[in-house]
Full PDB file with SEQRES, HELIX, SHEET, SSBOND, CRYST1, ORIGX, SCALE, CONECT and MASTER records, all heavy atoms in Angstrom:
SEQRES   1 A   38  ARG GLY ASN ALA ALA ASN VAL ILE ARG GLU ILE TRP HIS          
SEQRES   2 A   38  ALA SER GLY VAL ARG GLY PHE PHE VAL GLY LEU THR ILE          
SEQRES   3 A   38  GLY TYR VAL LYS VAL VAL PRO MET PHE ALA VAL SER              
HELIX    1 AA1 ALA A    4  SER A   15  1                                  12    
HELIX    2 AA2 GLY A   16  PHE A   21  5                                   6    
HELIX    3 AA3 LEU A   24  VAL A   37  1                                  14    
CRYST1    1.000    1.000    1.000  90.00  90.00  90.00 P 1           1          
ORIGX1      1.000000  0.000000  0.000000        0.00000                         
ORIGX2      0.000000  1.000000  0.000000        0.00000                         
ORIGX3      0.000000  0.000000  1.000000        0.00000                         
SCALE1      1.000000  0.000000  0.000000        0.00000                         
SCALE2      0.000000  1.000000  0.000000        0.00000                         
SCALE3      0.000000  0.000000  1.000000        0.00000                         
ATOM      1  N   ARG A   1     -50.607-118.489 -87.390  1.00  0.00           N  
ATOM      2  CA  ARG A   1     -51.874-118.931 -87.968  1.00  0.00           C  
ATOM      3  C   ARG A   1     -51.810-120.390 -88.417  1.00  0.00           C  
ATOM      4  O   ARG A   1     -52.823-121.057 -88.489  1.00  0.00           O  
ATOM      5  CB  ARG A   1     -52.209-118.044 -89.179  1.00  0.00           C  
ATOM      6  CG  ARG A   1     -52.431-116.594 -88.808  1.00  0.00           C  
ATOM      7  CD  ARG A   1     -52.889-115.801 -90.018  1.00  0.00           C  
ATOM      8  NE  ARG A   1     -53.155-114.414 -89.676  1.00  0.00           N  
ATOM      9  CZ  ARG A   1     -53.646-113.511 -90.523  1.00  0.00           C  
ATOM     10  NH1 ARG A   1     -53.951-113.886 -91.786  1.00  0.00           N  
ATOM     11  NH2 ARG A   1     -53.868-112.271 -90.136  1.00  0.00           N  
ATOM     12  N   GLY A   2     -50.640-120.848 -88.774  1.00  0.00           N  
ATOM     13  CA  GLY A   2     -50.523-122.199 -89.329  1.00  0.00           C  
ATOM     14  C   GLY A   2     -50.615-122.136 -90.836  1.00  0.00           C  
ATOM     15  O   GLY A   2     -51.589-121.610 -91.377  1.00  0.00           O  
ATOM     16  N   ASN A   3     -49.612-122.627 -91.523  1.00  0.00           N  
ATOM     17  CA  ASN A   3     -49.547-122.542 -92.974  1.00  0.00           C  
ATOM     18  C   ASN A   3     -49.490-123.972 -93.531  1.00  0.00           C  
ATOM     19  O   ASN A   3     -48.630-124.763 -93.169  1.00  0.00           O  
ATOM     20  CB  ASN A   3     -48.320-121.751 -93.400  1.00  0.00           C  
ATOM     21  CG  ASN A   3     -48.214-121.586 -94.900  1.00  0.00           C  
ATOM     22  OD1 ASN A   3     -47.760-122.489 -95.577  1.00  0.00           O  
ATOM     23  ND2 ASN A   3     -48.625-120.426 -95.390  1.00  0.00           N  
ATOM     24  N   ALA A   4     -50.415-124.274 -94.442  1.00  0.00           N  
ATOM     25  CA  ALA A   4     -50.502-125.629 -94.983  1.00  0.00           C  
ATOM     26  C   ALA A   4     -49.217-126.053 -95.690  1.00  0.00           C  
ATOM     27  O   ALA A   4     -48.750-127.168 -95.533  1.00  0.00           O  
ATOM     28  CB  ALA A   4     -51.673-125.723 -95.938  1.00  0.00           C  
ATOM     29  N   ALA A   5     -48.634-125.108 -96.460  1.00  0.00           N  
ATOM     30  CA  ALA A   5     -47.403-125.421 -97.197  1.00  0.00           C  
ATOM     31  C   ALA A   5     -46.270-125.776 -96.230  1.00  0.00           C  
ATOM     32  O   ALA A   5     -45.504-126.713 -96.485  1.00  0.00           O  
ATOM     33  CB  ALA A   5     -46.999-124.246 -98.075  1.00  0.00           C  
ATOM     34  N   ASN A   6     -46.161-125.037 -95.122  1.00  0.00           N  
ATOM     35  CA  ASN A   6     -45.115-125.324 -94.146  1.00  0.00           C  
ATOM     36  C   ASN A   6     -45.337-126.659 -93.470  1.00  0.00           C  
ATOM     37  O   ASN A   6     -44.404-127.426 -93.225  1.00  0.00           O  
ATOM     38  CB  ASN A   6     -45.077-124.215 -93.084  1.00  0.00           C  
ATOM     39  CG  ASN A   6     -44.546-122.895 -93.628  1.00  0.00           C  
ATOM     40  OD1 ASN A   6     -43.873-122.872 -94.662  1.00  0.00           O  
ATOM     41  ND2 ASN A   6     -44.878-121.803 -92.955  1.00  0.00           N  
ATOM     42  N   VAL A   7     -46.607-126.955 -93.148  1.00  0.00           N  
ATOM     43  CA  VAL A   7     -46.912-128.243 -92.521  1.00  0.00           C  
ATOM     44  C   VAL A   7     -46.586-129.403 -93.463  1.00  0.00           C  
ATOM     45  O   VAL A   7     -46.000-130.397 -93.031  1.00  0.00           O  
ATOM     46  CB  VAL A   7     -48.420-128.288 -92.138  1.00  0.00           C  
ATOM     47  CG1 VAL A   7     -48.810-129.698 -91.654  1.00  0.00           C  
ATOM     48  CG2 VAL A   7     -48.730-127.272 -91.067  1.00  0.00           C  
ATOM     49  N   ILE A   8     -46.918-129.256 -94.734  1.00  0.00           N  
ATOM     50  CA  ILE A   8     -46.625-130.291 -95.730  1.00  0.00           C  
ATOM     51  C   ILE A   8     -45.116-130.526 -95.820  1.00  0.00           C  
ATOM     52  O   ILE A   8     -44.651-131.664 -95.858  1.00  0.00           O  
ATOM     53  CB  ILE A   8     -47.219-129.906 -97.103  1.00  0.00           C  
ATOM     54  CG1 ILE A   8     -48.744-129.961 -97.054  1.00  0.00           C  
ATOM     55  CG2 ILE A   8     -46.698-130.850 -98.193  1.00  0.00           C  
ATOM     56  CD1 ILE A   8     -49.424-129.365 -98.254  1.00  0.00           C  
ATOM     57  N   ARG A   9     -44.345-129.413 -95.854  1.00  0.00           N  
ATOM     58  CA  ARG A   9     -42.890-129.550 -95.945  1.00  0.00           C  
ATOM     59  C   ARG A   9     -42.321-130.239 -94.691  1.00  0.00           C  
ATOM     60  O   ARG A   9     -41.430-131.102 -94.802  1.00  0.00           O  
ATOM     61  CB  ARG A   9     -42.254-128.162 -96.101  1.00  0.00           C  
ATOM     62  CG  ARG A   9     -42.239-127.650 -97.537  1.00  0.00           C  
ATOM     63  CD  ARG A   9     -41.276-126.480 -97.688  1.00  0.00           C  
ATOM     64  NE  ARG A   9     -41.748-125.309 -96.929  1.00  0.00           N  
ATOM     65  CZ  ARG A   9     -42.533-124.377 -97.428  1.00  0.00           C  
ATOM     66  NH1 ARG A   9     -42.976-124.479 -98.670  1.00  0.00           N  
ATOM     67  NH2 ARG A   9     -42.922-123.368 -96.691  1.00  0.00           N  
ATOM     68  N   GLU A  10     -42.816-129.866 -93.536  1.00  0.00           N  
ATOM     69  CA  GLU A  10     -42.355-130.472 -92.284  1.00  0.00           C  
ATOM     70  C   GLU A  10     -42.598-131.974 -92.274  1.00  0.00           C  
ATOM     71  O   GLU A  10     -41.714-132.774 -91.896  1.00  0.00           O  
ATOM     72  CB  GLU A  10     -43.037-129.832 -91.094  1.00  0.00           C  
ATOM     73  CG  GLU A  10     -42.576-128.390 -90.812  1.00  0.00           C  
ATOM     74  CD  GLU A  10     -43.425-127.732 -89.732  1.00  0.00           C  
ATOM     75  OE1 GLU A  10     -44.258-128.442 -89.122  1.00  0.00           O  
ATOM     76  OE2 GLU A  10     -43.266-126.522 -89.510  1.00  0.00           O  
ATOM     77  N   ILE A  11     -43.796-132.376 -92.680  1.00  0.00           N  
ATOM     78  CA  ILE A  11     -44.137-133.792 -92.700  1.00  0.00           C  
ATOM     79  C   ILE A  11     -43.276-134.532 -93.709  1.00  0.00           C  
ATOM     80  O   ILE A  11     -42.754-135.625 -93.427  1.00  0.00           O  
ATOM     81  CB  ILE A  11     -45.636-133.989 -93.023  1.00  0.00           C  
ATOM     82  CG1 ILE A  11     -46.501-133.379 -91.921  1.00  0.00           C  
ATOM     83  CG2 ILE A  11     -45.950-135.478 -93.197  1.00  0.00           C  
ATOM     84  CD1 ILE A  11     -47.998-133.336 -92.257  1.00  0.00           C  
ATOM     85  N   TRP A  12     -43.108-133.943 -94.888  1.00  0.00           N  
ATOM     86  CA  TRP A  12     -42.322-134.573 -95.951  1.00  0.00           C  
ATOM     87  C   TRP A  12     -40.868-134.775 -95.539  1.00  0.00           C  
ATOM     88  O   TRP A  12     -40.280-135.851 -95.713  1.00  0.00           O  
ATOM     89  CB  TRP A  12     -42.413-133.745 -97.219  1.00  0.00           C  
ATOM     90  CG  TRP A  12     -41.555-134.278 -98.333  1.00  0.00           C  
ATOM     91  CD1 TRP A  12     -40.324-133.857 -98.738  1.00  0.00           C  
ATOM     92  CD2 TRP A  12     -41.895-135.378 -99.214  1.00  0.00           C  
ATOM     93  NE1 TRP A  12     -39.858-134.599 -99.780  1.00  0.00           N  
ATOM     94  CE2 TRP A  12     -40.797-135.544-100.092  1.00  0.00           C  
ATOM     95  CE3 TRP A  12     -43.009-136.212 -99.330  1.00  0.00           C  
ATOM     96  CZ2 TRP A  12     -40.806-136.517-101.083  1.00  0.00           C  
ATOM     97  CZ3 TRP A  12     -43.000-137.195-100.304  1.00  0.00           C  
ATOM     98  CH2 TRP A  12     -41.907-137.338-101.160  1.00  0.00           C  
ATOM     99  N   HIS A  13     -40.258-133.736 -94.963  1.00  0.00           N  
ATOM    100  CA  HIS A  13     -38.858-133.821 -94.568  1.00  0.00           C  
ATOM    101  C   HIS A  13     -38.661-134.792 -93.397  1.00  0.00           C  
ATOM    102  O   HIS A  13     -37.617-135.434 -93.287  1.00  0.00           O  
ATOM    103  CB  HIS A  13     -38.321-132.442 -94.170  1.00  0.00           C  
ATOM    104  CG  HIS A  13     -38.146-131.513 -95.331  1.00  0.00           C  
ATOM    105  ND1 HIS A  13     -37.512-131.889 -96.502  1.00  0.00           N  
ATOM    106  CD2 HIS A  13     -38.529-130.209 -95.526  1.00  0.00           C  
ATOM    107  CE1 HIS A  13     -37.497-130.879 -97.354  1.00  0.00           C  
ATOM    108  NE2 HIS A  13     -38.121-129.863 -96.803  1.00  0.00           N  
ATOM    109  N   ALA A  14     -39.641-134.887 -92.521  1.00  0.00           N  
ATOM    110  CA  ALA A  14     -39.513-135.755 -91.357  1.00  0.00           C  
ATOM    111  C   ALA A  14     -39.772-137.239 -91.679  1.00  0.00           C  
ATOM    112  O   ALA A  14     -39.055-138.119 -91.192  1.00  0.00           O  
ATOM    113  CB  ALA A  14     -40.494-135.309 -90.255  1.00  0.00           C  
ATOM    114  N   SER A  15     -40.771-137.504 -92.517  1.00  0.00           N  
ATOM    115  CA  SER A  15     -41.161-138.900 -92.720  1.00  0.00           C  
ATOM    116  C   SER A  15     -41.433-139.323 -94.147  1.00  0.00           C  
ATOM    117  O   SER A  15     -41.765-140.465 -94.400  1.00  0.00           O  
ATOM    118  CB  SER A  15     -42.427-139.185 -91.866  1.00  0.00           C  
ATOM    119  OG  SER A  15     -42.260-138.774 -90.549  1.00  0.00           O  
ATOM    120  N   GLY A  16     -41.359-138.375 -95.089  1.00  0.00           N  
ATOM    121  CA  GLY A  16     -41.671-138.706 -96.480  1.00  0.00           C  
ATOM    122  C   GLY A  16     -43.149-138.976 -96.680  1.00  0.00           C  
ATOM    123  O   GLY A  16     -43.989-138.486 -95.922  1.00  0.00           O  
ATOM    124  N   VAL A  17     -43.466-139.787 -97.697  1.00  0.00           N  
ATOM    125  CA  VAL A  17     -44.871-140.063 -98.022  1.00  0.00           C  
ATOM    126  C   VAL A  17     -45.593-140.708 -96.847  1.00  0.00           C  
ATOM    127  O   VAL A  17     -46.759-140.411 -96.548  1.00  0.00           O  
ATOM    128  CB  VAL A  17     -44.973-140.974 -99.261  1.00  0.00           C  
ATOM    129  CG1 VAL A  17     -46.414-141.391 -99.505  1.00  0.00           C  
ATOM    130  CG2 VAL A  17     -44.427-140.258-100.496  1.00  0.00           C  
ATOM    131  N   ARG A  18     -44.912-141.581 -96.111  1.00  0.00           N  
ATOM    132  CA  ARG A  18     -45.515-142.302 -95.003  1.00  0.00           C  
ATOM    133  C   ARG A  18     -46.027-141.342 -93.932  1.00  0.00           C  
ATOM    134  O   ARG A  18     -46.977-141.632 -93.216  1.00  0.00           O  
ATOM    135  CB  ARG A  18     -44.547-143.281 -94.385  1.00  0.00           C  
ATOM    136  CG  ARG A  18     -44.199-144.465 -95.280  1.00  0.00           C  
ATOM    137  CD  ARG A  18     -43.300-145.448 -94.563  1.00  0.00           C  
ATOM    138  NE  ARG A  18     -43.970-146.034 -93.388  1.00  0.00           N  
ATOM    139  CZ  ARG A  18     -43.372-146.882 -92.564  1.00  0.00           C  
ATOM    140  NH1 ARG A  18     -42.089-147.201 -92.755  1.00  0.00           N  
ATOM    141  NH2 ARG A  18     -44.032-147.362 -91.536  1.00  0.00           N  
ATOM    142  N   GLY A  19     -45.384-140.181 -93.826  1.00  0.00           N  
ATOM    143  CA  GLY A  19     -45.767-139.214 -92.801  1.00  0.00           C  
ATOM    144  C   GLY A  19     -47.192-138.698 -92.990  1.00  0.00           C  
ATOM    145  O   GLY A  19     -47.826-138.282 -92.006  1.00  0.00           O  
ATOM    146  N   PHE A  20     -47.698-138.723 -94.208  1.00  0.00           N  
ATOM    147  CA  PHE A  20     -49.025-138.220 -94.490  1.00  0.00           C  
ATOM    148  C   PHE A  20     -50.127-139.245 -94.155  1.00  0.00           C  
ATOM    149  O   PHE A  20     -51.308-138.974 -94.266  1.00  0.00           O  
ATOM    150  CB  PHE A  20     -49.174-137.818 -95.965  1.00  0.00           C  
ATOM    151  CG  PHE A  20     -48.318-136.631 -96.340  1.00  0.00           C  
ATOM    152  CD1 PHE A  20     -47.075-136.807 -96.898  1.00  0.00           C  
ATOM    153  CD2 PHE A  20     -48.774-135.345 -96.101  1.00  0.00           C  
ATOM    154  CE1 PHE A  20     -46.285-135.700 -97.249  1.00  0.00           C  
ATOM    155  CE2 PHE A  20     -47.997-134.239 -96.414  1.00  0.00           C  
ATOM    156  CZ  PHE A  20     -46.758-134.424 -96.982  1.00  0.00           C  
ATOM    157  N   PHE A  21     -49.676-140.447 -93.754  1.00  0.00           N  
ATOM    158  CA  PHE A  21     -50.636-141.501 -93.428  1.00  0.00           C  
ATOM    159  C   PHE A  21     -50.434-142.045 -92.024  1.00  0.00           C  
ATOM    160  O   PHE A  21     -50.884-143.156 -91.702  1.00  0.00           O  
ATOM    161  CB  PHE A  21     -50.519-142.640 -94.465  1.00  0.00           C  
ATOM    162  CG  PHE A  21     -50.922-142.217 -95.858  1.00  0.00           C  
ATOM    163  CD1 PHE A  21     -49.999-141.724 -96.740  1.00  0.00           C  
ATOM    164  CD2 PHE A  21     -52.257-142.304 -96.240  1.00  0.00           C  
ATOM    165  CE1 PHE A  21     -50.386-141.295 -98.032  1.00  0.00           C  
ATOM    166  CE2 PHE A  21     -52.654-141.904 -97.500  1.00  0.00           C  
ATOM    167  CZ  PHE A  21     -51.704-141.413 -98.394  1.00  0.00           C  
ATOM    168  N   VAL A  22     -49.765-141.252 -91.159  1.00  0.00           N  
ATOM    169  CA  VAL A  22     -49.605-141.634 -89.766  1.00  0.00           C  
ATOM    170  C   VAL A  22     -50.975-141.736 -89.106  1.00  0.00           C  
ATOM    171  O   VAL A  22     -51.769-140.808 -89.159  1.00  0.00           O  
ATOM    172  CB  VAL A  22     -48.731-140.598 -89.002  1.00  0.00           C  
ATOM    173  CG1 VAL A  22     -48.765-140.882 -87.491  1.00  0.00           C  
ATOM    174  CG2 VAL A  22     -47.312-140.639 -89.514  1.00  0.00           C  
ATOM    175  N   GLY A  23     -51.239-142.879 -88.498  1.00  0.00           N  
ATOM    176  CA  GLY A  23     -52.516-143.084 -87.825  1.00  0.00           C  
ATOM    177  C   GLY A  23     -53.604-143.619 -88.720  1.00  0.00           C  
ATOM    178  O   GLY A  23     -54.757-143.779 -88.268  1.00  0.00           O  
ATOM    179  N   LEU A  24     -53.283-143.927 -89.988  1.00  0.00           N  
ATOM    180  CA  LEU A  24     -54.317-144.399 -90.921  1.00  0.00           C  
ATOM    181  C   LEU A  24     -54.898-145.744 -90.484  1.00  0.00           C  
ATOM    182  O   LEU A  24     -56.111-145.984 -90.638  1.00  0.00           O  
ATOM    183  CB  LEU A  24     -53.750-144.511 -92.343  1.00  0.00           C  
ATOM    184  CG  LEU A  24     -54.737-145.014 -93.418  1.00  0.00           C  
ATOM    185  CD1 LEU A  24     -55.957-144.125 -93.504  1.00  0.00           C  
ATOM    186  CD2 LEU A  24     -54.030-145.097 -94.775  1.00  0.00           C  
ATOM    187  N   THR A  25     -54.041-146.609 -89.919  1.00  0.00           N  
ATOM    188  CA  THR A  25     -54.532-147.906 -89.450  1.00  0.00           C  
ATOM    189  C   THR A  25     -55.600-147.716 -88.390  1.00  0.00           C  
ATOM    190  O   THR A  25     -56.655-148.372 -88.388  1.00  0.00           O  
ATOM    191  CB  THR A  25     -53.367-148.747 -88.881  1.00  0.00           C  
ATOM    192  OG1 THR A  25     -52.367-148.903 -89.877  1.00  0.00           O  
ATOM    193  CG2 THR A  25     -53.871-150.113 -88.438  1.00  0.00           C  
ATOM    194  N   ILE A  26     -55.340-146.761 -87.464  1.00  0.00           N  
ATOM    195  CA  ILE A  26     -56.338-146.456 -86.428  1.00  0.00           C  
ATOM    196  C   ILE A  26     -57.587-145.889 -87.120  1.00  0.00           C  
ATOM    197  O   ILE A  26     -58.711-146.176 -86.689  1.00  0.00           O  
ATOM    198  CB  ILE A  26     -55.807-145.423 -85.423  1.00  0.00           C  
ATOM    199  CG1 ILE A  26     -54.525-145.932 -84.793  1.00  0.00           C  
ATOM    200  CG2 ILE A  26     -56.842-145.122 -84.371  1.00  0.00           C  
ATOM    201  CD1 ILE A  26     -53.859-144.937 -83.882  1.00  0.00           C  
ATOM    202  N   GLY A  27     -57.350-145.088 -88.161  1.00  0.00           N  
ATOM    203  CA  GLY A  27     -58.477-144.555 -88.920  1.00  0.00           C  
ATOM    204  C   GLY A  27     -59.384-145.631 -89.467  1.00  0.00           C  
ATOM    205  O   GLY A  27     -60.615-145.523 -89.378  1.00  0.00           O  
ATOM    206  N   TYR A  28     -58.774-146.688 -89.992  1.00  0.00           N  
ATOM    207  CA  TYR A  28     -59.558-147.791 -90.506  1.00  0.00           C  
ATOM    208  C   TYR A  28     -60.326-148.487 -89.406  1.00  0.00           C  
ATOM    209  O   TYR A  28     -61.516-148.816 -89.539  1.00  0.00           O  
ATOM    210  CB  TYR A  28     -58.661-148.815 -91.207  1.00  0.00           C  
ATOM    211  CG  TYR A  28     -58.111-148.395 -92.535  1.00  0.00           C  
ATOM    212  CD1 TYR A  28     -56.845-148.783 -92.942  1.00  0.00           C  
ATOM    213  CD2 TYR A  28     -58.873-147.605 -93.402  1.00  0.00           C  
ATOM    214  CE1 TYR A  28     -56.337-148.389 -94.184  1.00  0.00           C  
ATOM    215  CE2 TYR A  28     -58.361-147.226 -94.641  1.00  0.00           C  
ATOM    216  CZ  TYR A  28     -57.094-147.615 -95.019  1.00  0.00           C  
ATOM    217  OH  TYR A  28     -56.617-147.239 -96.248  1.00  0.00           O  
ATOM    218  N   VAL A  29     -59.643-148.750 -88.290  1.00  0.00           N  
ATOM    219  CA  VAL A  29     -60.297-149.411 -87.155  1.00  0.00           C  
ATOM    220  C   VAL A  29     -61.463-148.567 -86.651  1.00  0.00           C  
ATOM    221  O   VAL A  29     -62.471-149.094 -86.196  1.00  0.00           O  
ATOM    222  CB  VAL A  29     -59.267-149.665 -86.023  1.00  0.00           C  
ATOM    223  CG1 VAL A  29     -59.959-150.265 -84.791  1.00  0.00           C  
ATOM    224  CG2 VAL A  29     -58.150-150.571 -86.507  1.00  0.00           C  
ATOM    225  N   LYS A  30     -61.312-147.252 -86.745  1.00  0.00           N  
ATOM    226  CA  LYS A  30     -62.348-146.327 -86.288  1.00  0.00           C  
ATOM    227  C   LYS A  30     -63.520-146.236 -87.266  1.00  0.00           C  
ATOM    228  O   LYS A  30     -64.675-146.342 -86.879  1.00  0.00           O  
ATOM    229  CB  LYS A  30     -61.745-144.936 -86.051  1.00  0.00           C  
ATOM    230  CG  LYS A  30     -62.759-143.857 -85.826  1.00  0.00           C  
ATOM    231  CD  LYS A  30     -62.143-142.484 -85.986  1.00  0.00           C  
ATOM    232  CE  LYS A  30     -63.199-141.421 -86.183  1.00  0.00           C  
ATOM    233  NZ  LYS A  30     -62.643-140.086 -86.457  1.00  0.00           N  
ATOM    234  N   VAL A  31     -63.204-146.006 -88.545  1.00  0.00           N  
ATOM    235  CA  VAL A  31     -64.283-145.691 -89.514  1.00  0.00           C  
ATOM    236  C   VAL A  31     -65.122-146.892 -89.889  1.00  0.00           C  
ATOM    237  O   VAL A  31     -66.307-146.710 -90.228  1.00  0.00           O  
ATOM    238  CB  VAL A  31     -63.739-145.021 -90.808  1.00  0.00           C  
ATOM    239  CG1 VAL A  31     -63.020-143.731 -90.492  1.00  0.00           C  
ATOM    240  CG2 VAL A  31     -62.885-145.982 -91.622  1.00  0.00           C  
ATOM    241  N   VAL A  32     -64.567-148.094 -89.833  1.00  0.00           N  
ATOM    242  CA  VAL A  32     -65.350-149.260 -90.226  1.00  0.00           C  
ATOM    243  C   VAL A  32     -66.587-149.418 -89.321  1.00  0.00           C  
ATOM    244  O   VAL A  32     -67.730-149.459 -89.829  1.00  0.00           O  
ATOM    245  CB  VAL A  32     -64.514-150.550 -90.264  1.00  0.00           C  
ATOM    246  CG1 VAL A  32     -65.397-151.771 -90.418  1.00  0.00           C  
ATOM    247  CG2 VAL A  32     -63.507-150.493 -91.412  1.00  0.00           C  
ATOM    248  N   PRO A  33     -66.415-149.484 -87.981  1.00  0.00           N  
ATOM    249  CA  PRO A  33     -67.635-149.580 -87.155  1.00  0.00           C  
ATOM    250  C   PRO A  33     -68.462-148.288 -87.173  1.00  0.00           C  
ATOM    251  O   PRO A  33     -69.703-148.349 -87.138  1.00  0.00           O  
ATOM    252  CB  PRO A  33     -67.084-149.863 -85.743  1.00  0.00           C  
ATOM    253  CG  PRO A  33     -65.687-149.360 -85.766  1.00  0.00           C  
ATOM    254  CD  PRO A  33     -65.210-149.602 -87.170  1.00  0.00           C  
ATOM    255  N   MET A  34     -67.775-147.113 -87.288  1.00  0.00           N  
ATOM    256  CA  MET A  34     -68.502-145.852 -87.268  1.00  0.00           C  
ATOM    257  C   MET A  34     -69.397-145.716 -88.492  1.00  0.00           C  
ATOM    258  O   MET A  34     -70.595-145.391 -88.390  1.00  0.00           O  
ATOM    259  CB  MET A  34     -67.528-144.682 -87.214  1.00  0.00           C  
ATOM    260  CG  MET A  34     -68.194-143.321 -87.061  1.00  0.00           C  
ATOM    261  SD  MET A  34     -67.019-141.978 -87.116  1.00  0.00           S  
ATOM    262  CE  MET A  34     -66.708-141.849 -88.877  1.00  0.00           C  
ATOM    263  N   PHE A  35     -68.860-145.966 -89.686  1.00  0.00           N  
ATOM    264  CA  PHE A  35     -69.654-145.872 -90.911  1.00  0.00           C  
ATOM    265  C   PHE A  35     -70.693-146.995 -90.970  1.00  0.00           C  
ATOM    266  O   PHE A  35     -71.799-146.764 -91.446  1.00  0.00           O  
ATOM    267  CB  PHE A  35     -68.726-145.948 -92.139  1.00  0.00           C  
ATOM    268  CG  PHE A  35     -68.263-144.610 -92.619  1.00  0.00           C  
ATOM    269  CD1 PHE A  35     -67.422-143.823 -91.841  1.00  0.00           C  
ATOM    270  CD2 PHE A  35     -68.662-144.115 -93.846  1.00  0.00           C  
ATOM    271  CE1 PHE A  35     -66.994-142.592 -92.259  1.00  0.00           C  
ATOM    272  CE2 PHE A  35     -68.223-142.884 -94.306  1.00  0.00           C  
ATOM    273  CZ  PHE A  35     -67.392-142.118 -93.504  1.00  0.00           C  
ATOM    274  N   ALA A  36     -70.308-148.175 -90.499  1.00  0.00           N  
ATOM    275  CA  ALA A  36     -71.266-149.293 -90.516  1.00  0.00           C  
ATOM    276  C   ALA A  36     -72.490-148.950 -89.692  1.00  0.00           C  
ATOM    277  O   ALA A  36     -73.637-149.118 -90.145  1.00  0.00           O  
ATOM    278  CB  ALA A  36     -70.574-150.556 -89.994  1.00  0.00           C  
ATOM    279  N   VAL A  37     -72.253-148.425 -88.481  1.00  0.00           N  
ATOM    280  CA  VAL A  37     -73.370-148.100 -87.598  1.00  0.00           C  
ATOM    281  C   VAL A  37     -74.162-146.899 -88.114  1.00  0.00           C  
ATOM    282  O   VAL A  37     -75.416-146.904 -88.095  1.00  0.00           O  
ATOM    283  CB  VAL A  37     -72.868-147.820 -86.164  1.00  0.00           C  
ATOM    284  CG1 VAL A  37     -73.989-147.284 -85.264  1.00  0.00           C  
ATOM    285  CG2 VAL A  37     -72.289-149.078 -85.544  1.00  0.00           C  
ATOM    286  N   SER A  38     -73.453-145.859 -88.586  1.00  0.00           N  
ATOM    287  CA  SER A  38     -74.155-144.628 -89.011  1.00  0.00           C  
ATOM    288  C   SER A  38     -74.998-144.871 -90.267  1.00  0.00           C  
ATOM    289  O   SER A  38     -76.163-144.457 -90.327  1.00  0.00           O  
ATOM    290  CB  SER A  38     -73.155-143.483 -89.252  1.00  0.00           C  
ATOM    291  OG  SER A  38     -72.234-143.812 -90.282  1.00  0.00           O  
TER     292      SER A  38                                                      
MASTER        0    0    0    3    0    0    0    6  291    1    0    3          
END                                                                             
């Protein structure tokens, strides 16, 4: 089913805090024009 607690542990052990923000730069590049236009 997928368990949130397990996913959080996997991300934390693999990459620490930075792991929760993988792809955030792309997120910024995406949301700025998307929110601006919408």
